Protein backbone atom coordinates (compact mmCIF):
# COMPACT_ATOMS: atom_id res chain seq x y z
CA UNK A 1 -12.38 -33.45 -9.18
CA UNK A 2 -12.25 -35.50 -5.57
CA UNK A 3 -9.15 -38.25 -7.61
CA UNK A 4 -6.72 -35.32 -8.76
CA UNK A 5 -7.48 -33.74 -5.27
CA UNK A 6 -7.33 -36.94 -3.82
CA UNK A 7 -3.58 -37.33 -5.76
CA UNK A 8 -2.32 -34.35 -4.81
CA UNK A 9 -3.34 -35.46 -0.94
CA UNK A 10 -0.93 -37.98 -0.68
CA UNK A 11 2.02 -36.30 -2.81
CA UNK A 12 1.64 -33.87 -0.14
CA UNK A 13 1.83 -36.25 2.48
CA UNK A 14 4.87 -37.67 0.93
CA UNK A 15 6.71 -34.90 1.32
CA UNK A 16 6.09 -34.65 4.59
CA UNK A 17 7.34 -37.50 5.45
CA UNK A 18 10.81 -37.11 3.36
CA UNK A 19 11.28 -34.02 5.01
CA UNK A 20 12.19 -36.07 8.01
CA UNK A 21 14.29 -38.04 6.46
CA UNK A 22 18.21 -37.00 7.75
CA UNK A 23 19.40 -37.97 4.19
CA UNK A 24 17.05 -34.95 2.51
CA UNK A 25 17.92 -32.32 5.68
CA UNK A 26 21.20 -33.04 5.01
CA UNK A 27 20.64 -31.44 0.94
CA UNK A 28 19.88 -27.50 1.71
CA UNK A 29 18.84 -27.11 -1.95
CA UNK A 30 16.91 -30.45 -1.77
CA UNK A 31 14.98 -29.48 1.29
CA UNK A 32 14.31 -26.47 0.57
CA UNK A 33 12.65 -27.18 -2.97
CA UNK A 34 10.29 -29.69 -0.81
CA UNK A 35 9.44 -26.66 1.96
CA UNK A 36 8.41 -24.29 -0.86
CA UNK A 37 6.46 -27.63 -2.61
CA UNK A 38 4.52 -28.70 0.49
CA UNK A 39 3.63 -24.67 1.31
CA UNK A 40 2.12 -24.96 -2.11
CA UNK A 41 1.06 -27.60 -1.95
CA UNK A 42 -0.98 -27.14 1.75
CA UNK A 43 -3.58 -24.43 0.47
CA UNK A 44 -4.92 -26.81 -2.26
CA UNK A 45 -5.22 -29.95 0.58
CA UNK A 46 -6.67 -27.74 2.94
CA UNK A 47 -9.92 -26.71 0.44
CA UNK A 48 -10.14 -30.67 -0.77
CA UNK A 49 -10.25 -31.98 3.02
CA UNK A 50 -13.45 -28.81 3.38
CA UNK A 51 -14.19 -30.81 0.03
CA UNK A 52 -14.84 -34.13 0.98
CA UNK A 53 -16.18 -33.29 3.89
CA UNK A 54 -18.72 -30.85 2.37
CA UNK A 55 -19.78 -33.29 -0.32
CA UNK A 56 -20.38 -36.50 3.18
CA UNK A 57 -22.52 -33.65 4.48
CA UNK A 58 -24.74 -33.35 1.39
CA UNK A 59 -24.99 -37.34 1.26
CA UNK A 60 -26.13 -37.53 4.57
CA UNK A 61 -28.37 -34.47 4.54
CA UNK A 62 -29.97 -35.84 0.85
CA UNK A 63 -30.38 -38.78 2.95
CA UNK A 64 -32.81 -37.14 6.07
CA UNK A 65 -34.61 -35.60 3.33
CA UNK A 66 -35.92 -38.78 2.17
CA UNK A 67 -36.36 -40.86 5.60
CA UNK A 68 -37.19 -37.97 7.86
CA UNK A 69 -41.74 -37.46 8.54
CA UNK A 70 -40.88 -34.56 11.19
CA UNK A 71 -41.56 -31.35 9.82
CA UNK A 72 -38.76 -29.29 11.55
CA UNK A 73 -36.26 -31.15 10.85
CA UNK A 74 -37.32 -31.83 7.61
CA UNK A 75 -36.89 -27.35 7.50
CA UNK A 76 -33.75 -27.92 8.90
CA UNK A 77 -31.83 -29.95 6.82
CA UNK A 78 -32.94 -28.50 3.28
CA UNK A 79 -31.56 -25.27 5.39
CA UNK A 80 -28.54 -26.56 5.82
CA UNK A 81 -28.37 -28.31 2.49
CA UNK A 82 -28.72 -25.55 0.79
CA UNK A 83 -25.90 -24.10 2.58
CA UNK A 84 -23.80 -27.01 1.85
CA UNK A 85 -24.51 -27.05 -1.77
CA UNK A 86 -24.12 -23.18 -2.45
CA UNK A 87 -20.03 -23.66 0.07
CA UNK A 88 -19.94 -26.35 -2.68
CA UNK A 89 -19.98 -24.78 -5.59
CA UNK A 90 -17.68 -21.83 -3.92
CA UNK A 91 -15.23 -24.28 -3.10
CA UNK A 92 -15.22 -25.63 -6.31
CA UNK A 93 -14.48 -22.50 -8.19
CA UNK A 94 -11.68 -21.53 -5.68
CA UNK A 95 -9.29 -25.13 -6.22
CA UNK A 96 -9.85 -24.54 -9.96
CA UNK A 97 -8.16 -21.41 -9.18
CA UNK A 98 -5.57 -23.42 -7.14
CA UNK A 99 -5.15 -26.06 -8.96
CA UNK A 100 -3.27 -23.23 -11.96
CA UNK A 101 -0.28 -24.33 -12.63
CA UNK A 102 2.31 -21.63 -10.29
CA UNK A 103 4.92 -19.53 -12.27
CA UNK A 104 7.54 -20.46 -10.05
CA UNK A 105 9.17 -17.15 -9.43
CA UNK A 106 5.90 -15.77 -7.74
CA UNK A 107 7.21 -15.62 -3.96
CA UNK A 108 10.48 -14.74 -4.67
CA UNK A 109 11.66 -11.47 -3.87
CA UNK A 110 11.66 -8.58 -6.55
CA UNK A 111 14.21 -6.18 -7.76
CA UNK A 112 12.02 -2.64 -8.64
CA UNK A 113 14.09 -0.57 -11.21
CA UNK A 114 12.08 2.91 -11.68
CA UNK A 115 13.29 5.41 -14.04
CA UNK A 116 12.43 8.58 -15.55
CA UNK A 117 10.89 8.42 -19.16
CA UNK A 118 10.00 11.23 -21.06
CA UNK A 119 8.91 14.81 -20.19
CA UNK A 120 12.23 16.15 -18.66
CA UNK A 121 12.19 16.79 -14.94
CA UNK A 122 8.18 16.32 -14.90
CA UNK A 123 9.30 13.08 -15.59
CA UNK A 124 11.60 12.70 -12.72
CA UNK A 125 9.43 14.22 -9.92
CA UNK A 126 6.78 11.43 -11.12
CA UNK A 127 9.31 8.81 -10.37
CA UNK A 128 9.75 9.86 -7.61
CA UNK A 129 6.26 9.95 -6.62
CA UNK A 130 6.02 6.28 -8.44
CA UNK A 131 9.47 5.71 -5.54
CA UNK A 132 6.77 6.89 -2.97
CA UNK A 133 3.67 5.32 -3.78
CA UNK A 134 5.63 1.78 -3.45
CA UNK A 135 7.36 3.00 -0.13
CA UNK A 136 4.07 3.16 1.19
CA UNK A 137 2.34 -0.25 -0.22
CA UNK A 138 5.69 -2.14 0.70
CA UNK A 139 4.98 -0.56 4.14
CA UNK A 140 1.29 -2.32 4.30
CA UNK A 141 2.75 -5.41 3.41
CA UNK A 142 5.35 -5.12 6.44
CA UNK A 143 8.01 -5.62 3.41
CA UNK A 144 11.73 -4.89 3.64
CA UNK A 145 12.22 -2.22 0.83
CA UNK A 146 15.84 -1.46 0.80
CA UNK A 147 17.31 0.95 -1.64
CA UNK A 148 20.22 0.17 -3.73
CA UNK A 149 21.27 2.53 -6.12
CA UNK A 150 19.29 5.62 -7.30
CA UNK A 151 19.93 8.52 -9.59
CA UNK A 152 18.92 11.91 -8.51
CA UNK A 153 16.79 14.50 -10.80
CA UNK A 154 17.95 18.28 -11.11
CA UNK A 155 14.95 19.94 -9.66
CA UNK A 156 13.73 16.46 -7.39
CA UNK A 157 12.74 13.07 -7.73
CA UNK A 158 14.98 10.53 -9.37
CA UNK A 159 16.42 9.64 -12.79
CA UNK A 160 16.17 5.69 -11.97
CA UNK A 161 16.31 4.33 -8.19
CA UNK A 162 16.78 0.58 -8.02
CA UNK A 163 15.09 -0.90 -5.25
CA UNK A 164 15.29 -4.32 -3.03
CA UNK A 165 12.20 -5.26 -1.90
CA UNK A 166 11.87 -8.73 0.25
CA UNK A 167 8.65 -9.85 2.07
CA UNK A 168 6.69 -12.99 1.27
CA UNK A 169 5.33 -13.23 -2.49
CA UNK A 170 6.55 -10.11 -3.26
CA UNK A 171 7.44 -11.19 -6.81
CA UNK A 172 3.88 -12.52 -7.44
CA UNK A 173 2.38 -9.29 -6.30
CA UNK A 174 4.36 -6.48 -7.49
CA UNK A 175 5.36 -8.35 -11.38
CA UNK A 176 1.51 -6.26 -13.13
CA UNK A 177 3.85 -3.10 -11.93
CA UNK A 178 6.59 -3.72 -14.58
CA UNK A 179 5.49 -1.38 -17.84
CA UNK A 180 4.94 2.86 -18.29
CA UNK A 181 3.27 4.52 -16.24
CA UNK A 182 2.41 7.57 -17.56
CA UNK A 183 1.01 11.48 -15.58
CA UNK A 184 -0.82 14.01 -16.88
CA UNK A 185 -0.71 17.06 -14.40
CA UNK A 186 0.43 20.85 -14.70
CA UNK A 187 4.70 21.33 -14.00
CA UNK A 188 5.58 23.10 -11.68
CA UNK A 189 7.55 24.91 -13.51
CA UNK A 190 4.74 25.80 -16.04
CA UNK A 191 4.19 29.34 -16.03
CA UNK A 192 0.84 28.74 -18.14
CA UNK A 193 -1.74 26.31 -16.15
CA UNK A 194 -1.14 23.72 -19.07
CA UNK A 195 -2.00 19.89 -18.93
CA UNK A 196 1.32 18.59 -19.55
CA UNK A 197 1.76 14.37 -20.37
CA UNK A 198 5.38 12.83 -18.75
CA UNK A 199 6.57 9.03 -18.58
CA UNK A 200 8.66 7.05 -16.30
CA UNK A 201 9.08 3.08 -16.35
CA UNK A 202 8.97 0.67 -14.04
CA UNK A 203 10.61 -3.21 -13.81
CA UNK A 204 9.88 -5.71 -11.72
CA UNK A 205 12.56 -8.63 -11.64
CA UNK A 206 12.34 -11.65 -9.63
CA UNK A 207 15.25 -11.49 -7.19
CA UNK A 208 17.85 -14.72 -8.14
CA UNK A 209 18.72 -16.78 -5.77
CA UNK A 210 22.42 -17.89 -5.40
CA UNK A 211 21.92 -21.31 -7.01
CA UNK A 212 19.34 -20.21 -9.30
CA UNK A 213 22.34 -18.42 -11.17
CA UNK A 214 25.49 -20.08 -10.94
CA UNK A 215 28.36 -16.71 -11.66
CA UNK A 216 31.99 -17.35 -12.28
CA UNK A 217 34.90 -14.44 -11.09
CA UNK A 218 36.84 -14.61 -13.75
CA UNK A 219 33.46 -13.44 -15.93
CA UNK A 220 33.16 -10.97 -13.68
CA UNK A 221 35.35 -7.42 -14.03
CA UNK A 222 34.70 -5.75 -10.92
CA UNK A 223 35.63 -1.58 -10.04
CA UNK A 224 35.58 0.37 -6.79
CA UNK A 225 34.98 4.06 -6.41
CA UNK A 226 33.79 6.74 -4.30
CA UNK A 227 30.50 7.55 -3.86
CA UNK A 228 29.04 10.45 -5.41
CA UNK A 229 25.50 12.63 -3.44
CA UNK A 230 24.08 13.03 0.26
CA UNK A 231 25.70 10.78 2.94
CA UNK A 232 29.03 12.34 4.76
CA UNK A 233 31.67 12.79 4.17
CA UNK A 234 32.56 9.34 4.32
CA UNK A 235 30.48 8.58 1.22
CA UNK A 236 32.34 11.03 -0.82
CA UNK A 237 36.39 10.09 0.24
CA UNK A 238 36.06 6.34 0.80
CA UNK A 239 35.63 3.75 -2.20
CA UNK A 240 32.89 2.00 -1.63
CA UNK A 241 31.42 2.22 -4.48
CA UNK A 242 30.84 -1.12 -6.56
CA UNK A 243 30.27 -1.25 -10.73
CA UNK A 244 30.04 -4.90 -11.87
CA UNK A 245 30.39 -5.95 -15.17
CA UNK A 246 29.11 -9.24 -16.20
CA UNK A 247 32.43 -9.75 -19.53
CA UNK A 248 29.65 -12.65 -21.31
CA UNK A 249 26.73 -10.71 -21.22
CA UNK A 250 27.63 -7.26 -21.02
CA UNK A 251 25.31 -6.24 -17.74
CA UNK A 252 26.96 -3.24 -15.19
CA UNK A 253 25.59 -2.71 -12.16
CA UNK A 254 26.48 -0.53 -9.68
CA UNK A 255 25.74 0.24 -5.85
CA UNK A 256 27.09 3.14 -4.07
CA UNK A 257 23.71 3.12 -1.22
CA UNK A 258 26.06 1.90 1.93
CA UNK A 259 29.16 3.32 3.13
CA UNK A 260 30.53 -0.59 3.76
CA UNK A 261 31.91 -1.89 0.78
CA UNK A 262 30.90 -5.17 1.66
CA UNK A 263 27.12 -4.43 1.98
CA UNK A 264 27.72 -2.27 -1.69
CA UNK A 265 29.52 -6.00 -2.88
CA UNK A 266 26.66 -7.75 -1.98
CA UNK A 267 23.26 -5.79 -2.97
CA UNK A 268 24.99 -5.23 -6.63
CA UNK A 269 25.73 -9.03 -7.04
CA UNK A 270 21.75 -10.14 -5.99
CA UNK A 271 20.74 -7.14 -8.54
CA UNK A 272 23.61 -9.14 -11.41
CA UNK A 273 22.14 -12.39 -10.70
CA UNK A 274 18.32 -11.19 -10.96
CA UNK A 275 19.55 -9.04 -14.28
CA UNK A 276 20.91 -12.43 -16.21
CA UNK A 277 18.29 -14.46 -14.62
CA UNK A 278 15.39 -12.02 -15.91
CA UNK A 279 17.16 -12.87 -19.38
CA UNK A 280 15.96 -16.70 -19.22
CA UNK A 281 12.55 -15.51 -17.46
CA UNK A 282 11.62 -13.05 -19.90
CA UNK A 283 11.96 -15.17 -22.77
CA UNK A 284 8.99 -17.64 -20.29
CA UNK A 285 7.04 -14.21 -20.26
CA UNK A 286 7.23 -13.08 -23.65
CA UNK A 287 5.46 -16.69 -24.70
CA UNK A 288 2.88 -15.67 -21.96
CA UNK A 289 1.93 -12.82 -23.65
CA UNK A 290 1.35 -13.73 -26.87
CA UNK A 291 -1.29 -15.70 -25.38
CA UNK A 292 -3.09 -13.26 -23.46
CA UNK A 293 -4.35 -9.66 -24.55
CA UNK A 294 -4.43 -8.19 -21.14
CA UNK A 295 -0.30 -8.63 -20.85
CA UNK A 296 -0.99 -8.83 -16.91
CA UNK A 297 2.37 -9.74 -15.64
CA UNK A 298 4.53 -10.35 -19.10
CA UNK A 299 7.02 -7.14 -17.46
CA UNK A 300 6.93 -6.38 -21.49
CA UNK A 301 8.40 -3.08 -20.47
CA UNK A 302 7.98 -1.16 -23.53
CA UNK A 303 3.88 -1.23 -22.89
CA UNK A 304 1.91 2.06 -21.52
CA UNK A 305 0.52 0.32 -18.61
CA UNK A 306 -1.48 2.94 -16.30
CA UNK A 307 -2.12 7.39 -16.69
CA UNK A 308 -2.53 8.92 -13.43
CA UNK A 309 -4.37 11.96 -14.67
CA UNK A 310 -4.55 14.75 -11.77
CA UNK A 311 -7.23 17.41 -13.72
CA UNK A 312 -9.00 14.72 -13.24
CA UNK A 313 -8.09 12.72 -10.45
CA UNK A 314 -8.50 8.91 -11.93
CA UNK A 315 -5.71 6.40 -12.57
CA UNK A 316 -6.65 3.99 -15.59
CA UNK A 317 -5.44 0.37 -16.02
CA UNK A 318 -5.24 -0.13 -19.55
CA UNK A 319 -4.77 -3.73 -19.93
CA UNK A 320 -8.17 -4.30 -17.99
CA UNK A 321 -9.93 -1.06 -19.05
CA UNK A 322 -10.27 -0.56 -15.18
CA UNK A 323 -10.61 3.76 -13.92
CA UNK A 324 -10.61 4.21 -10.41
CA UNK A 325 -11.57 8.17 -9.55
CA UNK A 326 -8.99 8.04 -6.33
CA UNK A 327 -5.54 9.07 -7.65
CA UNK A 328 -5.15 10.84 -4.19
CA UNK A 329 -5.46 7.27 -2.02
CA UNK A 330 -3.63 5.16 -4.67
CA UNK A 331 -0.60 7.73 -4.94
CA UNK A 332 -0.52 7.49 -0.98
CA UNK A 333 -0.18 3.52 -1.51
CA UNK A 334 -3.24 2.16 -2.03
CA UNK A 335 -2.62 -0.01 -4.78
CA UNK A 336 -4.38 -3.23 -3.41
CA UNK A 337 -7.59 -3.20 -5.63
CA UNK A 338 -5.73 -2.52 -8.70
CA UNK A 339 -3.57 -5.12 -8.15
CA UNK A 340 -6.55 -7.59 -6.90
CA UNK A 341 -8.29 -6.96 -10.38
CA UNK A 342 -5.83 -7.72 -12.35
CA UNK A 343 -4.87 -10.89 -10.68
CA UNK A 344 -8.70 -11.79 -11.43
CA UNK A 345 -7.76 -11.26 -14.89
CA UNK A 346 -4.66 -12.96 -14.63
CA UNK A 347 -6.51 -15.66 -13.17
CA UNK A 348 -9.59 -15.95 -15.69
CA UNK A 349 -7.03 -15.81 -18.53
CA UNK A 350 -4.40 -18.99 -16.99
CA UNK A 351 -8.55 -20.78 -16.44
CA UNK A 352 -9.39 -20.25 -19.89
CA UNK A 353 -5.69 -22.04 -21.15
CA UNK A 354 -6.57 -24.49 -19.02
CA UNK A 355 -9.84 -25.25 -20.02
CA UNK A 356 -8.74 -25.21 -23.36
CA UNK A 357 -5.91 -27.72 -23.34
CA UNK A 358 -7.87 -30.42 -21.36
């Protein structure tokens, strides 16, 4: 392990040196990639320095135990050795997880799409509940949460809503939310008190940056039209809404959230890039899903991943068999425990893959 970590430390130092080279600084694409690699290696190098220090201290403690005769000093050395050994074992486990190759898209921002599924008006209301859940969760993370496009439900909620989420490690955190979310409760329109089952689909796309996807102007058909919905007089009278059609793939993106045509165009272009990028990324995700039983982070939108049962106050994540009885807190944005457990399950499977490949 020390040899592998030593090689990574050497690479870390090489990157630090390259990043001070004027030629590299002038090449923005190369500089951004090196900076990304540097930040990715930083926690591994820090863990390596601590691990190396602990190994040296363990050897020193063992030498003291061989040579020391003072009882008090021996007792202190034994206690220190025990603590160092425990920390060494903990660090080895942490380093094994850190050495798992990262999905290069984890650090990206994300496009969050929520669509009402089976269940009519109740499905739209549930889509609205999921929107608020993610909005509150993103607020706790300090992430920016911007609506791109929205189609409201007839009695509340949304038939469809698209949000751009930006911040630190957004996609790597939210990717576990992709799939079908199911709700079991008595709808507001139900007069006989019967529990109904409705669903909404959540899709998390990694936001593609400009140098990830090259879009040619001649491949994009652009339409401008009047926005609809709330927002004042200017929304319905100016041609500020944008519809983009990517001719080679047939992908269509609309944005009417902003009064400014240019702002709507920027947002629509970001979503279009991400939809095209996701097509290639999905091939990679499909390969993962064939290997991992938990199907975490595979982006399979047809898979039923979670059930929110209101009569019993429980939430069940079907991928890892996790059931929690704090539904009210969860729909209020407290989903970190679920995400943490999904990440742990994925890390366990990735560690297994890594060991099997050795």
